[in-house]
Amino acid sequence: MKLKNLYGDELDKAVAIGLGWTLVRAKDPKNDYFQSEDRPIFAANWQPSQSARQAMRLLIEQQISIEYLEDSQKWRAYSKNKNGEIIESIYKRPHEAVCRAFVLKKESEGIKFDIDSFKD
């Protein structure tokens, strides 16, 4: 599975890894959490692909722009990577477009995502 095909929990985990967070697995999967810079965040509560608040925070902090494409009735999220290239994602839901654009941007900047480790 390629990064651009991730969705749901797998996409949310990819965003967390792109932010530099570490996934810490507990004995009970319900207690898995991401260790961020300042505090742990339960994996079950981290859902930027489904939460408007989390997606907007990601959009602002990572300088991602978004626009609605009326002709296709989809959302286009885009951002410049460190090399000045524009990385974009077009998707039917704005939350997912933002998350996908962020993950693709981080991949273009050299971050490696171990997709197989995302499986529960």
Foldseek 3Di string as FASTA:
>chain_A
DDLLPDDWLLLLVLLLVLQVWDWDDDPDNQQIWTQHPPGTGGSVPRTQLPDPVNLVVLCVVVVKDKDADVVVCWMKIWDAAPVRDIFIAIGNDPSSRSSSRSSVSSVVVPDDDPSVVSDD
